[in-house]
């Protein structure tokens, strides 16, 4: 990697974004900004807990992303990122500082996707992941600005990581 780059992941819960983000961060030496972690920290604050986190986590992540991009780091934004407003926020964080690559992570096999959603345990204290009906009902707009799409159906996490690295190679 020769300079700063923002890799913004987008996709429904349980498609493999966080697993992929951790793998990419390790392989690329990148900063991993996970919205779930940030939002849960805001809710768990001892001094000023945020009861209803709306865009707070994204605002924190965008600021930290810009700080890290401005010192030459590769940053991975790990979030559902399901509406145009959040995607625009990642673009603004990178504007005039670094290129942005948006990777849309999907799982085209609904049975597999549901099994992932129902079988995972939260690794963030206090966070409860959405259940399958909540995932199905989640607002998520198509992402025409995505640089690439990664379908994790039928792939192991290691295979998805290698596929992502291949898709990202022209930008690294």
C-alpha atoms as a PDB file:
ATOM      1  CA  UNK A   1       0.000   0.000   0.000  1.00  0.00           C
ATOM      2  CA  UNK A   2       1.505   3.279  -1.058  1.00  0.00           C
ATOM      3  CA  UNK A   3      -0.758   5.798   0.657  1.00  0.00           C
ATOM      4  CA  UNK A   4      -3.996   6.388   2.499  1.00  0.00           C
ATOM      5  CA  UNK A   5      -7.123   4.562   1.396  1.00  0.00           C
ATOM      6  CA  UNK A   6     -10.613   4.317   2.857  1.00  0.00           C
ATOM      7  CA  UNK A   7     -12.281   0.938   2.392  1.00  0.00           C
ATOM      8  CA  UNK A   8     -15.965   1.386   3.247  1.00  0.00           C
ATOM      9  CA  UNK A   9     -17.811  -1.884   3.724  1.00  0.00           C
ATOM     10  CA  UNK A  10     -21.555  -2.003   3.230  1.00  0.00           C
ATOM     11  CA  UNK A  11     -24.036  -4.845   3.625  1.00  0.00           C
ATOM     12  CA  UNK A  12     -26.747  -6.306   5.793  1.00  0.00           C
ATOM     13  CA  UNK A  13     -25.911  -7.740   9.219  1.00  0.00           C
ATOM     14  CA  UNK A  14     -24.482 -11.292   9.215  1.00  0.00           C
ATOM     15  CA  UNK A  15     -23.046 -11.138   5.699  1.00  0.00           C
ATOM     16  CA  UNK A  16     -19.486 -11.348   7.046  1.00  0.00           C
ATOM     17  CA  UNK A  17     -18.424  -7.686   7.101  1.00  0.00           C
ATOM     18  CA  UNK A  18     -16.762  -7.632  10.522  1.00  0.00           C
ATOM     19  CA  UNK A  19     -14.954 -10.923   9.978  1.00  0.00           C
ATOM     20  CA  UNK A  20     -13.756  -9.597   6.636  1.00  0.00           C
ATOM     21  CA  UNK A  21     -12.780  -6.220   8.126  1.00  0.00           C
ATOM     22  CA  UNK A  22     -10.681  -7.882  10.841  1.00  0.00           C
ATOM     23  CA  UNK A  23      -8.900 -10.003   8.240  1.00  0.00           C
ATOM     24  CA  UNK A  24      -8.285  -7.038   5.948  1.00  0.00           C
ATOM     25  CA  UNK A  25      -7.002  -4.907   8.817  1.00  0.00           C
ATOM     26  CA  UNK A  26      -4.545  -7.618   9.832  1.00  0.00           C
ATOM     27  CA  UNK A  27      -3.311  -8.219   6.285  1.00  0.00           C
ATOM     28  CA  UNK A  28      -3.077  -4.551   5.299  1.00  0.00           C
ATOM     29  CA  UNK A  29      -1.985  -3.076   8.621  1.00  0.00           C
ATOM     30  CA  UNK A  30      -5.133  -0.946   8.462  1.00  0.00           C
ATOM     31  CA  UNK A  31      -7.203   0.853  11.076  1.00  0.00           C
ATOM     32  CA  UNK A  32     -10.499  -1.003  11.671  1.00  0.00           C
ATOM     33  CA  UNK A  33     -13.431   1.248  12.624  1.00  0.00           C
ATOM     34  CA  UNK A  34     -16.385  -0.894  13.636  1.00  0.00           C
ATOM     35  CA  UNK A  35     -19.645   0.982  14.123  1.00  0.00           C
ATOM     36  CA  UNK A  36     -21.051  -1.724  16.435  1.00  0.00           C
ATOM     37  CA  UNK A  37     -18.141  -1.236  18.841  1.00  0.00           C
ATOM     38  CA  UNK A  38     -18.379   2.555  18.757  1.00  0.00           C
ATOM     39  CA  UNK A  39     -22.153   2.606  19.235  1.00  0.00           C
ATOM     40  CA  UNK A  40     -22.059   0.131  22.113  1.00  0.00           C
ATOM     41  CA  UNK A  41     -19.338   2.188  23.810  1.00  0.00           C
ATOM     42  CA  UNK A  42     -21.544   5.285  23.534  1.00  0.00           C
ATOM     43  CA  UNK A  43     -24.476   3.389  25.069  1.00  0.00           C
ATOM     44  CA  UNK A  44     -22.285   1.968  27.856  1.00  0.00           C
ATOM     45  CA  UNK A  45     -20.696   5.257  28.905  1.00  0.00           C
ATOM     46  CA  UNK A  46     -20.605   5.632  32.682  1.00  0.00           C
ATOM     47  CA  UNK A  47     -20.551   9.440  32.502  1.00  0.00           C
ATOM     48  CA  UNK A  48     -22.936  10.302  29.659  1.00  0.00           C
ATOM     49  CA  UNK A  49     -24.619   7.262  28.129  1.00  0.00           C
ATOM     50  CA  UNK A  50     -26.351   7.814  24.815  1.00  0.00           C
ATOM     51  CA  UNK A  51     -29.702   6.070  25.104  1.00  0.00           C
ATOM     52  CA  UNK A  52     -30.711   6.330  21.469  1.00  0.00           C
ATOM     53  CA  UNK A  53     -27.764   6.112  19.118  1.00  0.00           C
ATOM     54  CA  UNK A  54     -28.878   7.402  15.735  1.00  0.00           C
ATOM     55  CA  UNK A  55     -25.879   8.688  13.812  1.00  0.00           C
ATOM     56  CA  UNK A  56     -23.490   9.227  16.728  1.00  0.00           C
ATOM     57  CA  UNK A  57     -21.372   6.171  15.950  1.00  0.00           C
ATOM     58  CA  UNK A  58     -21.022   7.126  12.313  1.00  0.00           C
ATOM     59  CA  UNK A  59     -20.039  10.702  13.216  1.00  0.00           C
ATOM     60  CA  UNK A  60     -17.291   9.414  15.520  1.00  0.00           C
ATOM     61  CA  UNK A  61     -16.074   6.912  12.920  1.00  0.00           C
ATOM     62  CA  UNK A  62     -15.977   9.485  10.124  1.00  0.00           C
ATOM     63  CA  UNK A  63     -13.910  11.861  12.254  1.00  0.00           C
ATOM     64  CA  UNK A  64     -11.473   9.163  13.346  1.00  0.00           C
ATOM     65  CA  UNK A  65     -11.270   7.887   9.759  1.00  0.00           C
ATOM     66  CA  UNK A  66     -10.352  11.328   8.475  1.00  0.00           C
ATOM     67  CA  UNK A  67      -7.716  11.765  11.199  1.00  0.00           C
ATOM     68  CA  UNK A  68      -6.091   8.453  10.252  1.00  0.00           C
ATOM     69  CA  UNK A  69      -6.359   9.007   6.504  1.00  0.00           C
ATOM     70  CA  UNK A  70      -4.666  12.387   6.887  1.00  0.00           C
ATOM     71  CA  UNK A  71      -1.582  10.680   8.364  1.00  0.00           C
ATOM     72  CA  UNK A  72      -1.407   8.144   5.547  1.00  0.00           C
ATOM     73  CA  UNK A  73      -3.243   5.175   7.054  1.00  0.00           C
ATOM     74  CA  UNK A  74      -5.497   2.668   5.353  1.00  0.00           C
ATOM     75  CA  UNK A  75      -8.865   2.739   7.134  1.00  0.00           C
ATOM     76  CA  UNK A  76     -11.647   0.156   7.010  1.00  0.00           C
ATOM     77  CA  UNK A  77     -15.145   1.402   7.800  1.00  0.00           C
ATOM     78  CA  UNK A  78     -17.145  -1.580   9.069  1.00  0.00           C
ATOM     79  CA  UNK A  79     -20.873  -0.865   9.140  1.00  0.00           C
ATOM     80  CA  UNK A  80     -24.195  -1.753   7.535  1.00  0.00           C
ATOM     81  CA  UNK A  81     -23.927   1.571   5.762  1.00  0.00           C
ATOM     82  CA  UNK A  82     -27.363   0.914   4.282  1.00  0.00           C
ATOM     83  CA  UNK A  83     -28.573   4.382   3.353  1.00  0.00           C
ATOM     84  CA  UNK A  84     -27.192   7.069   1.044  1.00  0.00           C
ATOM     85  CA  UNK A  85     -26.580   9.448   3.967  1.00  0.00           C
ATOM     86  CA  UNK A  86     -24.122   7.123   5.703  1.00  0.00           C
ATOM     87  CA  UNK A  87     -22.339   6.368   2.455  1.00  0.00           C
ATOM     88  CA  UNK A  88     -22.022  10.097   1.795  1.00  0.00           C
ATOM     89  CA  UNK A  89     -20.473  10.479   5.253  1.00  0.00           C
ATOM     90  CA  UNK A  90     -17.695   8.014   4.422  1.00  0.00           C
ATOM     91  CA  UNK A  91     -17.121   9.824   1.125  1.00  0.00           C
ATOM     92  CA  UNK A  92     -16.886  13.151   2.959  1.00  0.00           C
ATOM     93  CA  UNK A  93     -14.389  11.663   5.433  1.00  0.00           C
ATOM     94  CA  UNK A  94     -12.098  10.739   2.551  1.00  0.00           C
ATOM     95  CA  UNK A  95     -12.662  13.855   0.424  1.00  0.00           C
ATOM     96  CA  UNK A  96      -9.415  15.623  -0.481  1.00  0.00           C
ATOM     97  CA  UNK A  97      -7.467  13.217   1.757  1.00  0.00           C
ATOM     98  CA  UNK A  98      -7.662   9.720   0.257  1.00  0.00           C
ATOM     99  CA  UNK A  99      -9.388   7.610  -2.367  1.00  0.00           C
ATOM    100  CA  UNK A 100     -12.373   5.562  -1.243  1.00  0.00           C
ATOM    101  CA  UNK A 101     -13.311   2.040  -2.252  1.00  0.00           C
ATOM    102  CA  UNK A 102     -16.793   0.829  -1.340  1.00  0.00           C
ATOM    103  CA  UNK A 103     -17.094  -2.949  -1.026  1.00  0.00           C
ATOM    104  CA  UNK A 104     -20.657  -4.260  -0.901  1.00  0.00           C
ATOM    105  CA  UNK A 105     -20.667  -7.506   1.089  1.00  0.00           C
ATOM    106  CA  UNK A 106     -23.630  -9.800   0.401  1.00  0.00           C
ATOM    107  CA  UNK A 107     -24.736 -13.351   1.129  1.00  0.00           C
ATOM    108  CA  UNK A 108     -26.948 -14.461  -1.748  1.00  0.00           C
ATOM    109  CA  UNK A 109     -27.952 -17.729  -0.079  1.00  0.00           C
ATOM    110  CA  UNK A 110     -30.827 -16.784   2.253  1.00  0.00           C
ATOM    111  CA  UNK A 111     -30.645 -20.091   4.139  1.00  0.00           C
ATOM    112  CA  UNK A 112     -26.940 -19.613   4.837  1.00  0.00           C
ATOM    113  CA  UNK A 113     -27.443 -15.942   5.696  1.00  0.00           C
ATOM    114  CA  UNK A 114     -30.188 -16.790   8.177  1.00  0.00           C
ATOM    115  CA  UNK A 115     -28.072 -19.555   9.739  1.00  0.00           C
ATOM    116  CA  UNK A 116     -25.214 -17.098  10.221  1.00  0.00           C
ATOM    117  CA  UNK A 117     -27.541 -14.556  11.812  1.00  0.00           C
ATOM    118  CA  UNK A 118     -29.077 -17.095  14.162  1.00  0.00           C
ATOM    119  CA  UNK A 119     -25.817 -18.821  15.049  1.00  0.00           C
ATOM    120  CA  UNK A 120     -23.555 -15.937  15.922  1.00  0.00           C
ATOM    121  CA  UNK A 121     -22.794 -14.623  19.367  1.00  0.00           C
ATOM    122  CA  UNK A 122     -21.847 -11.029  20.021  1.00  0.00           C
ATOM    123  CA  UNK A 123     -18.196 -10.373  20.772  1.00  0.00           C
ATOM    124  CA  UNK A 124     -19.025  -6.892  22.108  1.00  0.00           C
ATOM    125  CA  UNK A 125     -20.141  -6.765  25.758  1.00  0.00           C
ATOM    126  CA  UNK A 126     -23.727  -5.544  26.004  1.00  0.00           C
ATOM    127  CA  UNK A 127     -24.482  -5.753  22.288  1.00  0.00           C
ATOM    128  CA  UNK A 128     -27.314  -7.951  21.079  1.00  0.00           C
ATOM    129  CA  UNK A 129     -27.222  -8.635  17.354  1.00  0.00           C
ATOM    130  CA  UNK A 130     -30.416  -8.278  15.325  1.00  0.00           C
ATOM    131  CA  UNK A 131     -32.407 -11.455  14.773  1.00  0.00           C
ATOM    132  CA  UNK A 132     -33.424 -12.716  11.335  1.00  0.00           C
ATOM    133  CA  UNK A 133     -36.790 -10.879  11.168  1.00  0.00           C
ATOM    134  CA  UNK A 134     -35.002  -7.636  12.104  1.00  0.00           C
ATOM    135  CA  UNK A 135     -32.402  -8.214   9.395  1.00  0.00           C
ATOM    136  CA  UNK A 136     -35.113  -8.905   6.821  1.00  0.00           C
ATOM    137  CA  UNK A 137     -36.951  -5.713   7.835  1.00  0.00           C
ATOM    138  CA  UNK A 138     -33.807  -3.551   7.920  1.00  0.00           C
ATOM    139  CA  UNK A 139     -33.748  -0.515   5.674  1.00  0.00           C
ATOM    140  CA  UNK A 140     -31.044  -1.128   3.106  1.00  0.00           C
ATOM    141  CA  UNK A 141     -30.776   0.679  -0.203  1.00  0.00           C
ATOM    142  CA  UNK A 142     -28.881  -0.731  -3.180  1.00  0.00           C
ATOM    143  CA  UNK A 143     -25.358   0.635  -3.457  1.00  0.00           C
ATOM    144  CA  UNK A 144     -24.780   1.761  -7.057  1.00  0.00           C
ATOM    145  CA  UNK A 145     -21.568   3.546  -6.052  1.00  0.00           C
ATOM    146  CA  UNK A 146     -19.965   0.304  -4.836  1.00  0.00           C
ATOM    147  CA  UNK A 147     -16.574  -0.267  -6.388  1.00  0.00           C
ATOM    148  CA  UNK A 148     -17.073  -4.029  -6.093  1.00  0.00           C
ATOM    149  CA  UNK A 149     -19.455  -6.611  -4.648  1.00  0.00           C
ATOM    150  CA  UNK A 150     -18.347  -9.633  -2.645  1.00  0.00           C
ATOM    151  CA  UNK A 151     -20.827 -12.489  -2.241  1.00  0.00           C
ATOM    152  CA  UNK A 152     -19.762 -14.518   0.799  1.00  0.00           C
ATOM    153  CA  UNK A 153     -22.274 -17.327   0.180  1.00  0.00           C
ATOM    154  CA  UNK A 154     -20.514 -20.673  -0.012  1.00  0.00           C
ATOM    155  CA  UNK A 155     -17.157 -19.201   1.013  1.00  0.00           C
ATOM    156  CA  UNK A 156     -15.158 -19.671   4.175  1.00  0.00           C
ATOM    157  CA  UNK A 157     -13.973 -16.480   5.880  1.00  0.00           C
ATOM    158  CA  UNK A 158     -10.469 -17.157   4.524  1.00  0.00           C
ATOM    159  CA  UNK A 159     -11.823 -17.507   0.985  1.00  0.00           C
ATOM    160  CA  UNK A 160     -13.834 -14.291   1.347  1.00  0.00           C
ATOM    161  CA  UNK A 161     -10.701 -12.492   2.547  1.00  0.00           C
ATOM    162  CA  UNK A 162      -8.704 -13.670  -0.465  1.00  0.00           C
ATOM    163  CA  UNK A 163     -11.541 -12.663  -2.805  1.00  0.00           C
ATOM    164  CA  UNK A 164     -11.698  -9.223  -1.180  1.00  0.00           C
ATOM    165  CA  UNK A 165      -7.943  -8.745  -1.501  1.00  0.00           C
ATOM    166  CA  UNK A 166      -8.205  -9.645  -5.189  1.00  0.00           C
ATOM    167  CA  UNK A 167     -11.058  -7.140  -5.673  1.00  0.00           C
ATOM    168  CA  UNK A 168      -9.130  -4.445  -3.799  1.00  0.00           C
ATOM    169  CA  UNK A 169      -5.750  -5.118  -5.461  1.00  0.00           C
ATOM    170  CA  UNK A 170      -6.096  -2.397  -8.142  1.00  0.00           C
ATOM    171  CA  UNK A 171      -6.595   0.184  -5.381  1.00  0.00           C
ATOM    172  CA  UNK A 172      -3.838  -0.935  -3.007  1.00  0.00           C
END
